[in-house]
C-alpha atoms as a PDB file:
ATOM      1  CA  MET A   1      78.447  78.505  74.412  1.00  0.00           C
ATOM      2  CA  ALA A   2      78.500  80.875  77.380  1.00  0.00           C
ATOM      3  CA  ALA A   3      78.134  84.645  76.846  1.00  0.00           C
ATOM      4  CA  LYS A   4      81.145  86.724  76.335  1.00  0.00           C
ATOM      5  CA  ARG A   5      82.839  88.408  79.377  1.00  0.00           C
ATOM      6  CA  SER A   6      83.143  92.210  79.450  1.00  0.00           C
ATOM      7  CA  VAL A   7      86.924  91.755  79.364  1.00  0.00           C
ATOM      8  CA  PRO A   8      88.032  92.486  75.923  1.00  0.00           C
ATOM      9  CA  GLY A   9      89.024  89.346  74.187  1.00  0.00           C
ATOM     10  CA  ALA A  10      87.981  86.969  77.011  1.00  0.00           C
ATOM     11  CA  LEU A  11      87.403  83.342  76.055  1.00  0.00           C
ATOM     12  CA  THR A  12      84.015  82.907  77.566  1.00  0.00           C
ATOM     13  CA  ASP A  13      82.158  83.853  80.755  1.00  0.00           C
ATOM     14  CA  THR A  14      83.699  80.734  82.391  1.00  0.00           C
ATOM     15  CA  PHE A  15      87.192  80.297  80.984  1.00  0.00           C
ATOM     16  CA  PHE A  16      90.296  82.419  80.400  1.00  0.00           C
ATOM     17  CA  THR A  17      93.408  81.796  78.489  1.00  0.00           C
ATOM     18  CA  VAL A  18      96.709  82.605  80.373  1.00  0.00           C
ATOM     19  CA  THR A  19      96.893  86.060  78.434  1.00  0.00           C
ATOM     20  CA  GLU A  20      93.390  86.895  79.360  1.00  0.00           C
ATOM     21  CA  LEU A  21      93.787  85.912  83.058  1.00  0.00           C
ATOM     22  CA  ALA A  22      97.115  87.846  83.245  1.00  0.00           C
ATOM     23  CA  ARG A  23      95.491  90.890  81.737  1.00  0.00           C
ATOM     24  CA  ASP A  24      92.547  90.640  84.009  1.00  0.00           C
ATOM     25  CA  LEU A  25      94.713  90.381  87.110  1.00  0.00           C
ATOM     26  CA  SER A  26      97.393  92.928  86.022  1.00  0.00           C
ATOM     27  CA  VAL A  27     100.237  90.347  86.128  1.00  0.00           C
ATOM     28  CA  THR A  28     102.374  88.586  83.589  1.00  0.00           C
ATOM     29  CA  ALA A  29     101.654  85.323  81.987  1.00  0.00           C
ATOM     30  CA  ARG A  30     105.015  84.165  83.448  1.00  0.00           C
ATOM     31  CA  THR A  31     103.637  84.955  87.053  1.00  0.00           C
ATOM     32  CA  ILE A  32     100.617  82.745  86.383  1.00  0.00           C
ATOM     33  CA  ARG A  33     102.726  79.890  85.094  1.00  0.00           C
ATOM     34  CA  PHE A  34     104.986  80.206  88.092  1.00  0.00           C
ATOM     35  CA  TYR A  35     102.121  79.624  90.514  1.00  0.00           C
ATOM     36  CA  GLU A  36     101.033  76.733  88.277  1.00  0.00           C
ATOM     37  CA  ASP A  37     104.476  75.266  88.612  1.00  0.00           C
ATOM     38  CA  LYS A  38     104.301  75.575  92.303  1.00  0.00           C
ATOM     39  CA  GLY A  39     100.963  73.664  92.403  1.00  0.00           C
ATOM     40  CA  LEU A  40      98.865  76.597  93.561  1.00  0.00           C
ATOM     41  CA  ILE A  41      96.606  76.506  90.409  1.00  0.00           C
ATOM     42  CA  ALA A  42      95.942  73.719  87.943  1.00  0.00           C
ATOM     43  CA  PRO A  43      94.445  74.911  84.724  1.00  0.00           C
ATOM     44  CA  ARG A  44      92.762  72.524  82.253  1.00  0.00           C
ATOM     45  CA  ARG A  45      94.388  71.884  78.963  1.00  0.00           C
ATOM     46  CA  ALA A  46      92.910  72.101  75.513  1.00  0.00           C
ATOM     47  CA  GLY A  47      95.754  70.698  73.504  1.00  0.00           C
ATOM     48  CA  ASN A  48      98.719  72.951  74.277  1.00  0.00           C
ATOM     49  CA  ILE A  49      96.509  75.743  75.520  1.00  0.00           C
ATOM     50  CA  ARG A  50      96.010  76.354  79.176  1.00  0.00           C
ATOM     51  CA  ILE A  51      92.413  76.929  80.108  1.00  0.00           C
ATOM     52  CA  TYR A  52      91.746  78.727  83.389  1.00  0.00           C
ATOM     53  CA  THR A  53      88.446  78.699  85.209  1.00  0.00           C
ATOM     54  CA  LYS A  54      86.766  81.225  87.462  1.00  0.00           C
ATOM     55  CA  ARG A  55      87.956  78.994  90.269  1.00  0.00           C
ATOM     56  CA  ASP A  56      91.528  79.374  89.092  1.00  0.00           C
ATOM     57  CA  ARG A  57      91.015  83.135  88.930  1.00  0.00           C
ATOM     58  CA  ALA A  58      89.640  83.253  92.457  1.00  0.00           C
ATOM     59  CA  ARG A  59      92.711  81.209  93.558  1.00  0.00           C
ATOM     60  CA  MET A  60      94.999  83.595  91.828  1.00  0.00           C
ATOM     61  CA  VAL A  61      93.298  86.584  93.532  1.00  0.00           C
ATOM     62  CA  LEU A  62      93.956  84.899  96.886  1.00  0.00           C
ATOM     63  CA  ILE A  63      97.614  84.055  96.022  1.00  0.00           C
ATOM     64  CA  LEU A  64      98.369  87.583  94.914  1.00  0.00           C
ATOM     65  CA  ARG A  65      96.728  89.062  98.019  1.00  0.00           C
ATOM     66  CA  GLY A  66      98.548  86.597 100.228  1.00  0.00           C
ATOM     67  CA  LYS A  67     101.964  87.482  98.642  1.00  0.00           C
ATOM     68  CA  ARG A  68     101.179  91.258  98.872  1.00  0.00           C
ATOM     69  CA  LEU A  69     100.519  90.748 102.538  1.00  0.00           C
ATOM     70  CA  GLY A  70     103.710  88.889 103.057  1.00  0.00           C
ATOM     71  CA  PHE A  71     102.624  85.299 103.416  1.00  0.00           C
ATOM     72  CA  SER A  72     104.914  82.596 101.996  1.00  0.00           C
ATOM     73  CA  LEU A  73     103.926  80.315  99.107  1.00  0.00           C
ATOM     74  CA  ARG A  74     103.770  77.394 101.613  1.00  0.00           C
ATOM     75  CA  GLU A  75     101.362  79.210 103.837  1.00  0.00           C
ATOM     76  CA  ILE A  76      99.217  80.260 100.790  1.00  0.00           C
ATOM     77  CA  LYS A  77      99.245  76.678  99.518  1.00  0.00           C
ATOM     78  CA  GLU A  78      98.216  75.347 102.872  1.00  0.00           C
ATOM     79  CA  TYR A  79      95.336  77.828 103.031  1.00  0.00           C
ATOM     80  CA  LEU A  80      94.216  76.979  99.502  1.00  0.00           C
ATOM     81  CA  ASP A  81      94.462  73.171 100.082  1.00  0.00           C
ATOM     82  CA  LEU A  82      92.216  73.452 103.114  1.00  0.00           C
ATOM     83  CA  TYR A  83      89.486  74.945 100.773  1.00  0.00           C
ATOM     84  CA  ASP A  84      89.433  71.639  98.898  1.00  0.00           C
ATOM     85  CA  ILE A  85      89.428  69.520 101.951  1.00  0.00           C
ATOM     86  CA  ASP A  86      86.835  71.308 103.994  1.00  0.00           C
ATOM     87  CA  PRO A  87      83.654  72.399 102.113  1.00  0.00           C
ATOM     88  CA  SER A  88      82.357  74.422 105.159  1.00  0.00           C
ATOM     89  CA  GLN A  89      85.645  76.335 105.062  1.00  0.00           C
ATOM     90  CA  THR A  90      85.677  76.311 108.953  1.00  0.00           C
ATOM     91  CA  GLU A  91      89.290  75.057 109.171  1.00  0.00           C
ATOM     92  CA  GLN A  92      90.392  77.380 106.341  1.00  0.00           C
ATOM     93  CA  ILE A  93      88.927  80.388 108.290  1.00  0.00           C
ATOM     94  CA  ARG A  94      90.551  79.225 111.516  1.00  0.00           C
ATOM     95  CA  LEU A  95      93.926  78.921 109.814  1.00  0.00           C
ATOM     96  CA  LEU A  96      93.489  82.282 108.132  1.00  0.00           C
ATOM     97  CA  VAL A  97      92.681  83.914 111.484  1.00  0.00           C
ATOM     98  CA  GLY A  98      95.788  82.462 113.046  1.00  0.00           C
ATOM     99  CA  LYS A  99      98.031  83.455 110.154  1.00  0.00           C
ATOM    100  CA  VAL A 100      96.618  86.963 110.048  1.00  0.00           C
ATOM    101  CA  ARG A 101      97.127  87.454 113.772  1.00  0.00           C
ATOM    102  CA  ALA A 102     100.626  86.191 113.598  1.00  0.00           C
ATOM    103  CA  ARG A 103     101.473  88.377 110.534  1.00  0.00           C
ATOM    104  CA  LEU A 104      99.939  91.468 112.362  1.00  0.00           C
ATOM    105  CA  ALA A 105     102.026  90.767 115.485  1.00  0.00           C
ATOM    106  CA  MET A 106     105.205  90.519 113.226  1.00  0.00           C
ATOM    107  CA  LEU A 107     104.319  93.775 111.335  1.00  0.00           C
ATOM    108  CA  GLU A 108     103.646  95.559 114.787  1.00  0.00           C
ATOM    109  CA  GLU A 109     107.035  94.450 115.973  1.00  0.00           C
ATOM    110  CA  GLN A 110     108.686  95.620 112.709  1.00  0.00           C
ATOM    111  CA  ARG A 111     106.869  98.960 112.984  1.00  0.00           C
ATOM    112  CA  VAL A 112     108.211  99.534 116.485  1.00  0.00           C
ATOM    113  CA  ALA A 113     111.791  98.578 115.449  1.00  0.00           C
ATOM    114  CA  LEU A 114     111.422 100.919 112.393  1.00  0.00           C
ATOM    115  CA  GLU A 115     110.244 103.803 114.549  1.00  0.00           C
ATOM    116  CA  GLU A 116     113.134 103.337 117.030  1.00  0.00           C
ATOM    117  CA  SER A 117     115.578 103.139 114.101  1.00  0.00           C
ATOM    118  CA  ILE A 118     114.225 106.359 112.757  1.00  0.00           C
ATOM    119  CA  ILE A 119     114.602 108.125 116.098  1.00  0.00           C
ATOM    120  CA  GLU A 120     118.155 106.786 116.532  1.00  0.00           C
ATOM    121  CA  LEU A 121     119.128 107.865 113.017  1.00  0.00           C
ATOM    122  CA  LYS A 122     117.720 111.392 113.488  1.00  0.00           C
ATOM    123  CA  GLU A 123     119.699 111.737 116.746  1.00  0.00           C
ATOM    124  CA  ILE A 124     122.911 110.574 114.969  1.00  0.00           C
ATOM    125  CA  GLU A 125     122.278 112.970 112.185  1.00  0.00           C
ATOM    126  CA  ALA A 126     121.724 115.886 114.537  1.00  0.00           C
ATOM    127  CA  GLN A 127     124.889 114.982 116.478  1.00  0.00           C
ATOM    128  CA  THR A 128     127.125 114.692 113.365  1.00  0.00           C
ATOM    129  CA  VAL A 129     125.671 117.929 111.839  1.00  0.00           C
ATOM    130  CA  ALA A 130     126.459 119.708 115.184  1.00  0.00           C
ATOM    131  CA  ALA A 131     129.994 118.084 115.226  1.00  0.00           C
ATOM    132  CA  LEU A 132     130.619 119.421 111.738  1.00  0.00           C
ATOM    133  CA  GLU A 133     129.428 122.992 112.756  1.00  0.00           C
ATOM    134  CA  ASN A 134     131.608 122.922 115.842  1.00  0.00           C
ATOM    135  CA  LYS A 135     134.612 122.080 113.691  1.00  0.00           C
ATOM    136  CA  GLY A 136     133.766 125.229 111.555  1.00  0.00           C
ATOM    137  CA  SER A 137     132.918 123.267 108.502  1.00  0.00           C
ATOM    138  CA  THR A 138     131.077 125.648 106.103  1.00  0.00           C
ATOM    139  CA  LYS A 139     130.182 123.090 103.540  1.00  0.00           C
ATOM    140  CA  LYS A 140     126.599 121.956 103.392  1.00  0.00           C
ATOM    141  CA  VAL A 141     126.077 118.336 104.403  1.00  0.00           C
ATOM    142  CA  ALA A 142     124.570 116.258 101.541  1.00  0.00           C
ATOM    143  CA  GLY A 143     121.088 115.139 102.235  1.00  0.00           C
END
């Protein structure tokens, strides 16, 4: 049997239960089962118990990172599937570069739109406060 992991209660150095994997990744077991249902990970079974490998853990790390960065499950699945098809990972890397560039461009556009909205809202705020002051309103504006 493999040596015990440093994670308290871990099954072995190679395998995790859903509870161990969830604890290790700071997610819920339900989250892991959700990604399993979507076909992004495929744990082994030992009777009724799901057994997750280091590969499943690595895939979960990529899934969680992808979600945090705003990629869709479809995009994440496409990326993960390429790993299985192309051992050299060349196509996977090309796809990732393209997706990252597209996501960066979209976020840059959103940042510009957000900055413009903030400027416009500050102008409206200043105009409305000035209008209240011109009307002689002595009540402080909520904010």
